Protein backbone atom coordinates (compact mmCIF):
# COMPACT_ATOMS: atom_id res chain seq x y z
CA MET A 1 0.00 0.08 0.11
CA GLN A 2 1.16 3.36 -1.21
CA ILE A 3 0.93 6.32 1.00
CA TYR A 4 2.03 10.07 0.78
CA ASN A 5 4.17 10.73 3.55
CA SER A 6 3.66 14.42 5.03
CA LEU A 7 7.37 14.55 6.78
CA THR A 8 8.70 13.99 2.81
CA ARG A 9 6.31 15.03 0.45
CA CYS A 10 5.87 12.11 -1.29
CA LYS A 11 4.60 8.62 -1.85
CA GLU A 12 6.32 6.14 -0.06
CA MET A 13 4.83 2.17 0.29
CA LEU A 14 4.00 1.74 3.52
CA GLN A 15 6.46 -0.61 5.70
CA PRO A 16 5.35 -0.98 9.54
CA ILE A 17 7.40 -1.84 12.30
CA GLU A 18 6.16 -4.99 12.88
CA GLN A 19 4.88 -6.95 9.95
CA GLY A 20 1.57 -6.94 9.54
CA HIS A 21 0.52 -4.71 12.11
CA VAL A 22 0.22 -0.90 11.89
CA LYS A 23 0.22 1.16 15.06
CA ILE A 24 -1.82 4.91 14.64
CA TYR A 25 -2.36 7.67 16.39
CA THR A 26 -4.96 9.87 15.30
CA CYS A 27 -5.89 13.34 16.65
CA GLY A 28 -9.33 13.14 18.58
CA PRO A 29 -11.82 15.75 19.31
CA THR A 30 -10.92 18.58 22.15
CA VAL A 31 -14.61 18.33 23.98
CA TYR A 32 -15.41 21.48 24.52
CA ASN A 33 -18.36 21.27 21.98
CA PHE A 34 -20.02 19.15 19.66
CA ALA A 35 -17.81 17.76 17.06
CA HIS A 36 -18.51 19.74 13.37
CA ILE A 37 -18.61 18.43 9.79
CA GLY A 38 -15.32 19.38 9.00
CA ASN A 39 -14.31 17.54 12.28
CA PHE A 40 -15.77 14.91 10.62
CA ARG A 41 -13.79 14.90 7.21
CA ALA A 42 -11.18 13.92 9.44
CA TYR A 43 -12.45 11.03 11.15
CA THR A 44 -13.87 9.69 8.13
CA PHE A 45 -10.79 9.63 6.05
CA GLU A 46 -8.97 7.89 9.11
CA ASP A 47 -12.16 5.28 9.06
CA VAL A 48 -11.17 4.76 5.65
CA LEU A 49 -7.57 4.13 5.97
CA ARG A 50 -8.28 1.85 8.96
CA ARG A 51 -10.64 -0.56 6.97
CA VAL A 52 -8.13 -0.17 3.85
CA LEU A 53 -5.32 -1.77 5.93
CA LEU A 54 -7.71 -4.16 7.33
CA PHE A 55 -8.91 -5.03 3.80
CA ASN A 56 -5.28 -5.72 3.24
CA GLY A 57 -5.20 -8.33 5.97
CA CYS A 58 -3.00 -6.06 8.40
CA ARG A 59 -3.66 -5.86 12.27
CA VAL A 60 -4.46 -2.55 13.60
CA THR A 61 -4.25 -0.79 16.89
CA GLN A 62 -5.66 2.67 16.51
CA VAL A 63 -5.44 5.01 19.82
CA MET A 64 -7.54 8.35 19.35
CA ASN A 65 -7.03 10.58 22.07
CA LEU A 66 -10.05 12.69 24.03
CA THR A 67 -8.61 16.39 24.47
CA ASP A 68 -10.66 17.04 27.92
CA VAL A 69 -8.22 19.51 29.21
CA ASP A 70 -6.92 22.60 27.06
CA ASP A 71 -8.17 26.28 26.82
CA LYS A 72 -11.56 26.08 25.20
CA THR A 73 -12.52 23.37 27.79
CA ILE A 74 -11.72 25.14 30.92
CA ARG A 75 -12.66 28.29 29.62
CA GLY A 76 -16.38 26.58 28.77
CA ALA A 77 -16.27 24.92 32.31
CA ARG A 78 -15.81 28.24 33.66
CA ALA A 79 -18.53 30.08 31.70
CA ALA A 80 -20.84 26.86 32.36
CA GLY A 81 -20.14 27.02 36.18
CA VAL A 82 -19.56 23.32 36.28
CA PRO A 83 -16.36 21.20 37.24
CA LEU A 84 -14.14 20.25 34.15
CA LYS A 85 -15.46 16.72 34.08
CA THR A 86 -18.97 17.34 34.52
CA PHE A 87 -18.57 19.86 31.57
CA THR A 88 -16.66 17.76 29.15
CA GLN A 89 -18.71 14.49 29.59
CA PRO A 90 -22.01 15.37 27.63
CA PHE A 91 -19.78 15.94 24.73
CA ILE A 92 -17.39 12.75 25.00
CA GLN A 93 -21.28 11.10 25.18
CA ALA A 94 -22.22 12.98 21.93
CA PHE A 95 -18.89 11.75 20.26
CA PHE A 96 -19.33 8.46 20.40
CA ALA A 97 -22.74 8.79 19.23
CA ASP A 98 -22.04 10.75 15.78
CA LEU A 99 -18.80 7.70 15.68
CA LYS A 100 -21.73 5.56 15.18
CA THR A 101 -24.15 7.39 13.40
CA LEU A 102 -21.23 7.76 10.35
CA ASN A 103 -20.46 3.97 11.36
CA ILE A 104 -17.16 4.91 12.21
CA GLN A 105 -14.97 1.90 13.67
CA PRO A 106 -14.20 2.54 16.87
CA ALA A 107 -10.17 2.87 17.76
CA GLU A 108 -8.32 0.49 20.18
CA VAL A 109 -7.84 3.34 22.81
CA TYR A 110 -9.67 6.04 23.42
CA PRO A 111 -7.06 8.23 26.10
CA ALA A 112 -8.51 11.02 28.24
CA ALA A 113 -5.96 13.82 28.25
CA THR A 114 -7.08 14.38 32.25
CA ASP A 115 -6.21 10.55 33.26
CA HIS A 116 -2.52 10.77 32.27
CA ILE A 117 -0.88 13.64 33.79
CA PRO A 118 1.57 11.10 35.24
CA GLU A 119 2.89 10.30 31.94
CA MET A 120 2.90 13.98 30.70
CA ILE A 121 4.73 15.03 33.93
CA THR A 122 7.24 12.05 33.14
CA LEU A 123 7.54 13.10 29.56
CA VAL A 124 8.48 17.23 30.60
CA GLU A 125 11.11 15.83 33.40
CA LYS A 126 13.26 14.03 30.58
CA LEU A 127 13.09 17.10 28.97
CA PHE A 128 14.24 19.00 31.54
CA ALA A 129 17.23 16.67 31.97
CA ARG A 130 18.30 17.14 28.42
CA GLY A 131 18.48 20.83 29.17
CA LEU A 132 15.63 21.37 26.26
CA ALA A 133 13.15 22.67 28.61
CA TYR A 134 13.30 25.66 31.32
CA LYS A 135 10.90 27.10 33.86
CA SER A 136 9.90 30.76 33.64
CA GLU A 137 9.21 33.30 36.10
CA ASP A 138 5.31 32.55 35.92
CA GLY A 139 5.72 28.73 37.11
CA SER A 140 4.73 27.61 33.47
CA VAL A 141 7.42 25.27 32.06
CA TYR A 142 8.56 25.91 28.31
CA PHE A 143 10.35 24.20 25.49
CA SER A 144 13.48 25.43 24.05
CA VAL A 145 13.03 24.96 20.17
CA ALA A 146 16.24 26.67 19.75
CA LYS A 147 18.02 23.61 21.08
CA GLN A 148 16.13 20.75 19.51
CA PRO A 149 17.62 20.15 15.71
CA GLY A 150 15.35 19.67 12.89
CA TYR A 151 12.31 21.75 14.70
CA GLY A 152 10.22 22.53 11.93
CA LYS A 153 11.01 19.42 9.65
CA LEU A 154 7.55 19.03 9.37
CA ALA A 155 5.86 22.11 8.76
CA HIS A 156 9.28 22.69 6.62
CA LEU A 157 9.59 25.74 8.16
CA ASP A 158 12.25 28.34 6.83
CA ARG A 159 12.90 29.08 10.28
CA GLU A 160 15.13 31.84 9.13
CA ASN A 161 12.79 34.24 7.53
CA LEU A 162 10.17 33.52 9.82
CA ARG A 163 9.02 35.60 12.98
CA ALA A 164 10.14 34.04 15.73
CA GLY A 165 8.24 34.87 19.61
CA ALA A 166 10.08 34.32 22.45
CA ARG A 167 7.68 32.38 24.09
CA VAL A 168 4.03 31.23 23.03
CA ALA A 169 1.71 30.62 25.96
CA GLN A 170 -1.70 29.83 24.06
CA ASP A 171 -2.38 26.31 22.85
CA GLU A 172 -2.95 27.38 19.30
CA TYR A 173 -0.85 29.85 17.17
CA GLU A 174 -0.22 30.83 13.42
CA LYS A 175 2.46 29.33 11.12
CA GLU A 176 3.78 32.80 10.67
CA SER A 177 5.33 32.12 14.03
CA TYR A 178 7.11 30.11 16.33
CA GLY A 179 8.21 29.86 19.22
CA ASP A 180 9.46 28.36 22.71
CA PHE A 181 5.94 26.61 23.37
CA ALA A 182 4.27 25.86 26.73
CA LEU A 183 5.18 22.32 28.17
CA TRP A 184 3.71 22.87 31.66
CA LYS A 185 1.47 25.92 32.34
CA GLY A 186 1.23 27.62 35.96
CA TRP A 187 -2.02 27.90 37.62
CA ASP A 188 -3.61 31.48 37.41
CA ALA A 189 -7.03 32.46 38.68
CA ASN A 190 -8.65 31.58 35.12
CA ASP A 191 -7.70 28.15 35.44
CA GLY A 192 -10.26 28.02 38.59
CA ASP A 193 -10.12 24.20 39.85
CA VAL A 194 -8.15 22.79 37.17
CA VAL A 195 -4.71 22.06 38.87
CA TRP A 196 -2.29 19.23 39.44
CA ASP A 197 0.88 19.15 41.40
CA SER A 198 3.99 18.80 39.70
CA PRO A 199 8.02 19.05 40.73
CA TRP A 200 7.76 22.52 39.43
CA GLY A 201 4.89 23.50 40.50
CA ARG A 202 0.95 23.76 40.46
CA GLY A 203 -0.69 23.48 37.00
CA ARG A 204 -1.57 21.75 34.09
CA PRO A 205 -0.20 20.39 30.94
CA GLY A 206 -0.06 21.97 27.06
CA TRP A 207 -2.04 20.92 24.54
CA HIS A 208 0.94 19.26 22.74
CA LEU A 209 2.37 17.41 25.51
CA GLU A 210 -0.73 15.41 25.85
CA CYS A 211 -0.74 13.93 22.66
CA SER A 212 3.33 12.88 22.43
CA ALA A 213 2.76 11.28 26.18
CA MET A 214 -0.51 8.97 25.07
CA SER A 215 0.65 8.73 22.14
CA MET A 216 4.52 6.98 22.93
CA LYS A 217 2.49 5.12 26.53
CA TYR A 218 0.25 3.23 24.11
CA LEU A 219 2.36 2.88 20.84
CA GLY A 220 5.65 2.76 21.92
CA GLU A 221 8.36 5.77 21.28
CA THR A 222 8.38 5.07 17.56
CA PHE A 223 5.48 3.93 15.95
CA ASP A 224 3.70 3.58 12.19
CA LEU A 225 1.54 6.51 11.49
CA HIS A 226 0.40 9.19 12.75
CA THR A 227 -2.79 10.73 11.19
CA GLY A 228 -4.73 14.23 11.45
CA GLY A 229 -6.49 17.66 9.85
CA ILE A 230 -3.92 19.68 7.88
CA ASP A 231 -4.55 22.18 10.48
CA ASN A 232 -3.15 20.14 12.92
CA LEU A 233 0.32 19.83 11.11
CA PHE A 234 1.72 22.89 12.65
CA PRO A 235 2.01 23.55 15.24
CA HIS A 236 0.52 20.64 17.15
CA HIS A 237 2.16 17.63 14.91
CA GLU A 238 5.64 19.64 15.27
CA ASN A 239 5.39 20.44 18.29
CA GLU A 240 4.64 16.61 19.44
CA ILE A 241 7.75 15.49 17.57
CA ALA A 242 10.06 17.81 19.07
CA GLN A 243 8.95 16.77 22.52
CA ALA A 244 8.87 12.80 21.60
CA GLU A 245 12.16 13.18 20.04
CA GLY A 246 13.47 15.73 22.38
CA ALA A 247 12.74 13.39 25.24
CA THR A 248 13.96 9.40 23.67
CA GLY A 249 16.62 10.65 21.02
CA LYS A 250 14.59 8.24 18.77
CA PRO A 251 12.11 9.03 15.51
CA PHE A 252 8.53 9.73 16.69
CA VAL A 253 6.76 8.27 13.95
CA ASN A 254 7.51 7.10 10.20
CA TYR A 255 4.46 8.23 8.35
CA TRP A 256 2.46 11.33 8.57
CA MET A 257 -1.37 11.53 6.68
CA HIS A 258 -2.78 15.43 6.81
CA CYS A 259 -6.44 15.48 5.24
CA ALA A 260 -7.55 18.95 3.22
CA HIS A 261 -10.10 21.46 5.00
CA LEU A 262 -13.94 20.75 4.28
CA ARG A 263 -15.35 23.32 2.81
CA VAL A 264 -19.33 24.36 3.34
CA ASN A 265 -20.67 25.82 -0.43
CA GLY A 266 -17.11 26.85 -1.53
CA GLU A 267 -16.38 29.05 1.60
CA LYS A 268 -14.52 28.15 4.91
CA MET A 269 -17.33 27.22 7.28
CA SER A 270 -17.96 29.61 9.57
CA LYS A 271 -21.27 30.50 12.14
CA SER A 272 -21.43 33.96 10.92
CA LEU A 273 -21.77 32.82 7.41
CA GLY A 274 -24.12 30.56 8.51
CA ASN A 275 -22.71 27.54 6.83
CA PHE A 276 -21.62 26.20 10.39
CA PHE A 277 -23.01 22.47 10.85
CA THR A 278 -22.86 19.80 13.17
CA LEU A 279 -23.72 16.05 12.72
CA ARG A 280 -26.73 16.90 14.82
CA ASP A 281 -27.62 19.44 12.33
CA LEU A 282 -27.72 17.96 9.18
CA LEU A 283 -29.54 14.77 10.97
CA GLN A 284 -32.48 17.47 12.01
CA LYS A 285 -32.39 18.56 8.46
CA GLY A 286 -33.42 15.15 7.40
CA TRP A 287 -30.40 13.83 6.27
CA SER A 288 -28.99 10.16 7.30
CA GLY A 289 -25.82 8.87 8.58
CA ARG A 290 -25.48 7.22 5.76
CA GLU A 291 -25.66 9.72 3.34
CA ILE A 292 -23.49 12.65 5.07
CA ARG A 293 -20.37 9.57 5.35
CA TYR A 294 -20.98 9.13 1.28
CA VAL A 295 -19.94 12.52 0.95
CA LEU A 296 -17.72 13.20 3.15
CA ILE A 297 -15.50 10.36 2.35
CA ASN A 298 -16.20 10.60 -1.60
CA GLY A 299 -13.31 12.52 -2.65
CA HIS A 300 -9.26 12.39 -2.73
CA TYR A 301 -8.36 13.34 1.35
CA ARG A 302 -5.74 15.57 0.49
CA GLN A 303 -7.67 17.49 -1.66
CA PRO A 304 -10.53 20.24 -0.11
CA LEU A 305 -13.85 19.23 -0.21
CA ASN A 306 -16.75 21.10 -0.87
CA PHE A 307 -19.79 19.68 1.30
CA THR A 308 -23.58 21.34 -0.31
CA PHE A 309 -26.52 20.21 -0.17
CA ASP A 310 -26.45 19.28 -3.65
CA ALA A 311 -24.15 16.81 -3.00
CA LEU A 312 -26.42 15.42 0.01
CA ASP A 313 -29.09 14.66 -2.43
CA ALA A 314 -26.59 12.97 -4.93
CA ALA A 315 -25.87 10.67 -2.26
CA ARG A 316 -29.19 9.75 -1.63
CA ALA A 317 -29.89 9.05 -5.24
CA SER A 318 -26.98 7.24 -5.76
CA LEU A 319 -27.45 5.10 -2.27
CA ALA A 320 -30.61 4.22 -3.95
CA ARG A 321 -29.34 3.00 -7.24
CA ILE A 322 -27.04 0.83 -4.74
CA ASP A 323 -29.36 -0.45 -2.68
CA GLU A 324 -31.83 -1.23 -5.59
CA CYS A 325 -29.26 -3.33 -7.21
CA VAL A 326 -28.00 -4.83 -4.14
CA ASP A 327 -31.50 -6.13 -2.89
CA ALA A 328 -32.33 -7.62 -6.78
CA LEU A 329 -28.93 -9.69 -6.69
CA THR A 330 -30.24 -10.65 -3.08
CA ALA A 331 -33.72 -12.00 -4.41
CA LEU A 332 -32.20 -13.42 -7.76
CA ALA A 333 -29.57 -15.38 -5.41
CA GLY A 334 -31.43 -16.29 -2.63
CA SER A 335 -30.86 -19.39 -0.68
CA ALA A 336 -28.00 -20.51 -3.46
CA LYS A 337 -24.19 -20.94 -2.36
CA VAL A 338 -21.80 -18.99 -3.66
CA GLY A 339 -20.37 -19.83 -7.22
CA ALA A 340 -17.84 -18.56 -9.95
CA MET A 341 -17.48 -15.19 -9.94
CA PRO A 342 -18.42 -13.05 -13.30
CA SER A 343 -15.03 -12.12 -15.03
CA TRP A 344 -16.26 -8.19 -15.38
CA ALA A 345 -16.97 -8.70 -11.01
CA ASP A 346 -13.27 -10.00 -10.48
CA ASP A 347 -12.09 -6.86 -12.80
CA ALA A 348 -14.23 -4.52 -10.91
CA ARG A 349 -12.55 -5.73 -7.20
CA ALA A 350 -8.75 -5.81 -8.93
CA VAL A 351 -9.44 -1.96 -9.54
CA PHE A 352 -10.96 -0.68 -6.47
CA ALA A 353 -8.21 -2.49 -4.28
CA ALA A 354 -5.69 -1.24 -6.71
CA ALA A 355 -7.46 2.59 -6.25
CA VAL A 356 -7.76 2.15 -2.18
CA ASN A 357 -3.91 0.84 -2.06
CA ASP A 358 -3.08 4.07 -4.08
CA ASP A 359 -2.85 6.63 -1.33
CA LEU A 360 -6.52 5.77 -0.59
CA ASN A 361 -8.06 6.87 -4.11
CA VAL A 362 -11.68 6.78 -3.10
CA PRO A 363 -12.60 8.12 -6.51
CA GLU A 364 -11.56 5.23 -8.36
CA ALA A 365 -12.90 3.24 -5.68
CA PHE A 366 -16.30 4.37 -5.89
CA ALA A 367 -16.08 4.29 -9.86
CA ALA A 368 -15.37 0.89 -9.62
CA LEU A 369 -18.45 0.28 -6.94
CA PHE A 370 -20.42 1.84 -9.75
CA SER A 371 -19.10 -0.57 -12.69
CA LEU A 372 -19.96 -3.25 -10.23
CA VAL A 373 -23.59 -2.16 -10.36
CA ARG A 374 -23.52 -1.32 -13.59
CA GLU A 375 -23.11 -4.74 -14.87
CA SER A 376 -24.48 -6.43 -12.14
CA ASN A 377 -27.82 -4.78 -13.43
CA SER A 378 -27.15 -5.45 -17.68
CA ALA A 379 -26.52 -9.16 -16.34
CA MET A 380 -29.96 -9.18 -14.40
CA ARG A 381 -31.68 -8.25 -17.45
CA GLY A 382 -30.94 -11.50 -19.44
CA ASN A 383 -31.79 -14.64 -18.54
CA ALA A 384 -28.86 -16.68 -17.98
CA PHE A 385 -27.81 -14.83 -14.51
CA LYS A 386 -27.72 -18.10 -12.61
CA PRO A 387 -28.53 -17.75 -8.74
CA GLU A 388 -24.90 -19.16 -7.35
CA GLU A 389 -23.62 -16.13 -9.73
CA ALA A 390 -25.78 -13.82 -7.55
CA ALA A 391 -24.47 -15.00 -4.97
CA ALA A 392 -20.85 -14.66 -6.05
CA VAL A 393 -21.26 -10.78 -6.87
CA LEU A 394 -22.97 -10.08 -3.51
CA SER A 395 -19.83 -11.36 -1.74
CA ALA A 396 -18.28 -8.62 -4.29
CA PHE A 397 -20.13 -5.90 -2.56
CA ASP A 398 -19.80 -6.99 0.40
CA ALA A 399 -15.37 -6.98 0.16
CA LEU A 400 -16.05 -3.45 -1.45
CA ASP A 401 -18.21 -2.34 1.37
CA ALA A 402 -15.85 -3.86 3.86
CA VAL A 403 -13.68 -0.63 3.23
CA PHE A 404 -16.35 1.73 2.19
CA GLY A 405 -19.18 1.38 4.73
CA LEU A 406 -21.83 2.18 3.20
CA ILE A 407 -23.78 -0.38 1.52
CA ARG A 408 -25.52 -2.37 4.64
CA PHE A 409 -25.16 0.45 6.78
CA GLY A 410 -28.44 1.77 7.47
CA ARG A 411 -30.37 -0.85 6.00
CA ALA A 412 -31.69 -2.75 8.52
CA LEU A 413 -33.03 0.24 10.32
CA ARG A 414 -35.31 1.10 7.16
CA GLU A 415 -36.45 -2.17 7.31
CA GLU A 416 -36.67 -2.72 10.75
CA GLY A 417 -40.53 -3.62 12.12
CA LEU A 418 -41.17 -5.04 8.86
CA PRO A 419 -42.95 -8.35 8.34
CA PRO A 420 -40.60 -10.84 6.85
CA GLU A 421 -43.37 -11.64 4.18
CA ILE A 422 -43.87 -7.97 3.56
CA ASP A 423 -39.44 -7.63 3.35
CA ALA A 424 -39.67 -10.89 0.95
CA LEU A 425 -42.35 -9.13 -1.46
CA LEU A 426 -40.37 -5.87 -1.90
CA LYS A 427 -36.99 -7.77 -2.52
CA ALA A 428 -38.93 -9.46 -5.28
CA ARG A 429 -40.55 -6.15 -6.54
CA ALA A 430 -36.88 -5.10 -6.78
CA ALA A 431 -35.54 -7.40 -8.43
CA ALA A 432 -38.33 -7.26 -10.96
CA ARG A 433 -38.07 -3.51 -11.69
CA ALA A 434 -34.01 -3.96 -12.19
CA ALA A 435 -34.74 -7.02 -14.98
CA LYS A 436 -37.43 -4.64 -16.24
CA ASP A 437 -39.84 -6.80 -15.85
CA TRP A 438 -42.82 -4.02 -15.22
CA ALA A 439 -46.19 -6.61 -15.29
CA GLY A 440 -44.41 -8.59 -12.26
CA SER A 441 -43.69 -5.50 -10.10
CA ASP A 442 -46.54 -4.32 -10.59
CA ARG A 443 -48.11 -7.71 -9.71
CA ILE A 444 -46.40 -7.50 -6.65
CA ARG A 445 -47.25 -4.02 -5.46
CA ASP A 446 -50.81 -5.56 -5.78
CA ASP A 447 -50.28 -8.50 -3.84
CA LEU A 448 -48.83 -5.71 -1.43
CA ALA A 449 -51.25 -3.85 -1.29
CA ALA A 450 -54.01 -6.46 -1.40
CA LYS A 451 -52.05 -7.11 2.33
CA GLY A 452 -52.00 -3.70 3.26
CA TRP A 453 -49.00 -1.64 2.78
CA GLU A 454 -48.36 0.61 0.45
CA VAL A 455 -45.58 0.97 -1.85
CA ARG A 456 -43.77 4.25 -4.08
CA ASP A 457 -41.35 4.70 -5.92
CA SER A 458 -38.86 7.44 -5.49
CA LYS A 459 -35.47 9.04 -6.25
CA GLU A 460 -34.13 7.24 -2.85
CA GLY A 461 -35.71 3.62 -4.27
CA GLN A 462 -38.99 1.86 -3.24
CA LYS A 463 -40.78 3.20 0.21
CA VAL A 464 -43.69 1.42 1.85
CA LYS A 465 -45.76 2.15 4.65
CA LYS A 466 -48.63 0.60 6.11
CA LEU A 467 -52.22 1.68 4.99
């Protein structure tokens, strides 16, 4: 599998440290609010990456952090007048619910920053021992950027021509400036009761420190792959590298992958523009998690994604087309065993595998999926397509869906509560329509009406309701 390594700025063959086992760290949410669709552009990209690795037979250990202490979470807790844990917990629960809504596979570990303060203190102690950390007058501890050779290698910083600041106290800052960043922030009144004891005084960890400490705890001092949004490349990921390599003297991560920004209607997402959406906002407008996932993954991760309601409309229509084909194949296959795979289905699988293994070329993978739909419908219009072949093609759809997470996802929810007899008639009708057997389709519709069910056809597929 080839991936684009942000560190080297070129495609490379992914070669894990342990053969057949890929260890990944993914930057998770800062739990001060509900995650928005820009966040989920990154999380769905990482889900596709994970699924492709599994598709290739790899074992995956994925760690995704929960940032539950930083400038934003502390401000939110103080504004709400509640303890930090009380403030962040509902957003953590909402995040996990959102992952299920989008069919994002769970990571193996979700470490929360507040549960790993001892590991962070140990990491700062190592940096002191190596002469890379120093204490300021206000009780904070800073990383000395000038003493770390190679600082800026991920962002490819031209340090000679950038504006340098002596110290940067806030967690986030612009690429145009850099300076010594906070490892540990000395307590002040704005922190309230968010404070821990340390060898250099009471305070709390800096945001960048959290990820370095937690990733190495679960994945080792050197691990395979680190992912995130392109906005995290600098300063966050650059500072992670500095802290980790400064403390251990070893390479931190071998491969870095970053996804590009999401835009809405061609513009940067912003509350002031009225184009800022959480996942919940879109669900309330009538879109499903399945349709939203389709839009979020249907583009190359390194290219900006333009999210529009027209794209959601197109996703709904495309999923209906896929559903109708899969339903017709299911009805034709019945209980038949999997037979020989038609050559055109084999070809589609090969094109799909080549696409996803070429730096997650999802647009080409979707082209392979719709080639499979087109050829399946063509085969079912003929009279020579056997149930065993239909069963084989269904297995090809399932192989592709192991990466897409779209074809089977959400179908059971729509069909839940239908009597088995009605469900079977609907699938038979879908098969008749795929074969352009309009008379047979009409007969089944009449049978459904006689049993008290009305079926209507729409661009989303068959709609059925109890009369």
